[in-house]
Amino acid sequence: MSAGTTDSDRIAELEIRLAHHEATLDELSGVVAEQARVIELFREQVKRLTDRLTQVEDTVPGKGPDEPPPPHY
């Protein structure tokens, strides 16, 4: 701010900056909320895929835990 600015000019400038900061904060808050929603959807999807993979692995013949390792081990 230049030396010729008055207190009212300085206050007006600070109020403008504050308004911009508040708008940015509101925008970022919305972004964080949306990201939290998407992360929760991803968690649910990973859980479903993990459960499905476990089911598929259980149905594969010859993949039981009692199967001995191949001879080359």
C-alpha atoms as a PDB file:
ATOM      1  CA  MET A   1       0.000   0.000   0.000  1.00  0.00           C
ATOM      2  CA  SER A   2       1.304   3.411  -0.835  1.00  0.00           C
ATOM      3  CA  ALA A   3       2.034   6.128   1.700  1.00  0.00           C
ATOM      4  CA  GLY A   4      -1.026   8.139   0.593  1.00  0.00           C
ATOM      5  CA  THR A   5      -3.633   5.507   1.462  1.00  0.00           C
ATOM      6  CA  THR A   6      -6.110   6.305   4.167  1.00  0.00           C
ATOM      7  CA  ASP A   7      -7.308   4.033   6.911  1.00  0.00           C
ATOM      8  CA  SER A   8     -10.625   3.581   5.118  1.00  0.00           C
ATOM      9  CA  ASP A   9      -8.759   2.550   1.935  1.00  0.00           C
ATOM     10  CA  ARG A  10      -6.729   0.050   3.913  1.00  0.00           C
ATOM     11  CA  ILE A  11      -9.843  -1.319   5.590  1.00  0.00           C
ATOM     12  CA  ALA A  12     -11.605  -1.617   2.237  1.00  0.00           C
ATOM     13  CA  GLU A  13      -8.608  -3.490   0.800  1.00  0.00           C
ATOM     14  CA  LEU A  14      -8.540  -5.837   3.793  1.00  0.00           C
ATOM     15  CA  GLU A  15     -12.280  -6.475   3.477  1.00  0.00           C
ATOM     16  CA  ILE A  16     -11.836  -7.322  -0.208  1.00  0.00           C
ATOM     17  CA  ARG A  17      -9.022  -9.722   0.610  1.00  0.00           C
ATOM     18  CA  LEU A  18     -11.082 -11.286   3.388  1.00  0.00           C
ATOM     19  CA  ALA A  19     -14.015 -11.796   1.027  1.00  0.00           C
ATOM     20  CA  HIS A  20     -11.727 -13.518  -1.492  1.00  0.00           C
ATOM     21  CA  HIS A  21     -10.249 -15.725   1.231  1.00  0.00           C
ATOM     22  CA  GLU A  22     -13.720 -16.676   2.469  1.00  0.00           C
ATOM     23  CA  ALA A  23     -14.813 -17.568  -1.075  1.00  0.00           C
ATOM     24  CA  THR A  24     -11.690 -19.678  -1.552  1.00  0.00           C
ATOM     25  CA  LEU A  25     -12.257 -21.404   1.780  1.00  0.00           C
ATOM     26  CA  ASP A  26     -15.866 -22.215   0.852  1.00  0.00           C
ATOM     27  CA  GLU A  27     -14.728 -23.592  -2.502  1.00  0.00           C
ATOM     28  CA  LEU A  28     -12.023 -25.737  -0.907  1.00  0.00           C
ATOM     29  CA  SER A  29     -14.476 -26.999   1.688  1.00  0.00           C
ATOM     30  CA  GLY A  30     -16.738 -28.171  -1.121  1.00  0.00           C
ATOM     31  CA  VAL A  31     -13.824 -29.878  -2.844  1.00  0.00           C
ATOM     32  CA  VAL A  32     -12.854 -31.691   0.358  1.00  0.00           C
ATOM     33  CA  ALA A  33     -16.443 -32.832   0.907  1.00  0.00           C
ATOM     34  CA  GLU A  34     -16.652 -34.164  -2.661  1.00  0.00           C
ATOM     35  CA  GLN A  35     -13.317 -35.951  -2.288  1.00  0.00           C
ATOM     36  CA  ALA A  36     -14.499 -37.570   0.941  1.00  0.00           C
ATOM     37  CA  ARG A  37     -17.629 -38.792  -0.861  1.00  0.00           C
ATOM     38  CA  VAL A  38     -15.565 -40.218  -3.740  1.00  0.00           C
ATOM     39  CA  ILE A  39     -13.108 -41.883  -1.355  1.00  0.00           C
ATOM     40  CA  GLU A  40     -16.003 -43.587   0.432  1.00  0.00           C
ATOM     41  CA  LEU A  41     -17.324 -44.861  -2.909  1.00  0.00           C
ATOM     42  CA  PHE A  42     -13.853 -46.195  -3.744  1.00  0.00           C
ATOM     43  CA  ARG A  43     -13.644 -47.944  -0.371  1.00  0.00           C
ATOM     44  CA  GLU A  44     -16.966 -49.644  -0.980  1.00  0.00           C
ATOM     45  CA  GLN A  45     -15.900 -50.679  -4.475  1.00  0.00           C
ATOM     46  CA  VAL A  46     -12.569 -52.086  -3.265  1.00  0.00           C
ATOM     47  CA  LYS A  47     -14.410 -54.034  -0.546  1.00  0.00           C
ATOM     48  CA  ARG A  48     -16.822 -55.512  -3.104  1.00  0.00           C
ATOM     49  CA  LEU A  49     -13.974 -56.399  -5.468  1.00  0.00           C
ATOM     50  CA  THR A  50     -11.958 -57.960  -2.650  1.00  0.00           C
ATOM     51  CA  ASP A  51     -14.950 -60.040  -1.580  1.00  0.00           C
ATOM     52  CA  ARG A  52     -15.588 -61.104  -5.163  1.00  0.00           C
ATOM     53  CA  LEU A  53     -11.938 -62.039  -5.713  1.00  0.00           C
ATOM     54  CA  THR A  54     -11.994 -64.132  -2.552  1.00  0.00           C
ATOM     55  CA  GLN A  55     -15.099 -65.951  -3.806  1.00  0.00           C
ATOM     56  CA  VAL A  56     -13.496 -66.603  -7.199  1.00  0.00           C
ATOM     57  CA  GLU A  57     -10.270 -67.839  -5.612  1.00  0.00           C
ATOM     58  CA  ASP A  58     -12.294 -70.226  -3.450  1.00  0.00           C
ATOM     59  CA  THR A  59     -13.920 -71.773  -6.535  1.00  0.00           C
ATOM     60  CA  VAL A  60     -10.697 -72.357  -8.499  1.00  0.00           C
ATOM     61  CA  PRO A  61      -9.974 -76.108  -8.519  1.00  0.00           C
ATOM     62  CA  GLY A  62      -6.670 -77.199  -7.056  1.00  0.00           C
ATOM     63  CA  LYS A  63      -6.001 -73.926  -5.258  1.00  0.00           C
ATOM     64  CA  GLY A  64      -6.656 -75.192  -1.757  1.00  0.00           C
ATOM     65  CA  PRO A  65      -4.242 -74.505   1.083  1.00  0.00           C
ATOM     66  CA  ASP A  66      -3.500 -78.255   1.392  1.00  0.00           C
ATOM     67  CA  GLU A  67      -2.018 -78.477  -2.095  1.00  0.00           C
ATOM     68  CA  PRO A  68       1.733 -79.219  -1.938  1.00  0.00           C
ATOM     69  CA  PRO A  69       4.071 -76.888  -3.813  1.00  0.00           C
ATOM     70  CA  PRO A  70       5.189 -77.919  -7.299  1.00  0.00           C
ATOM     71  CA  PRO A  71       8.369 -80.053  -7.502  1.00  0.00           C
ATOM     72  CA  HIS A  72      10.528 -77.208  -8.783  1.00  0.00           C
ATOM     73  CA  TYR A  73      10.251 -75.353  -5.446  1.00  0.00           C
END
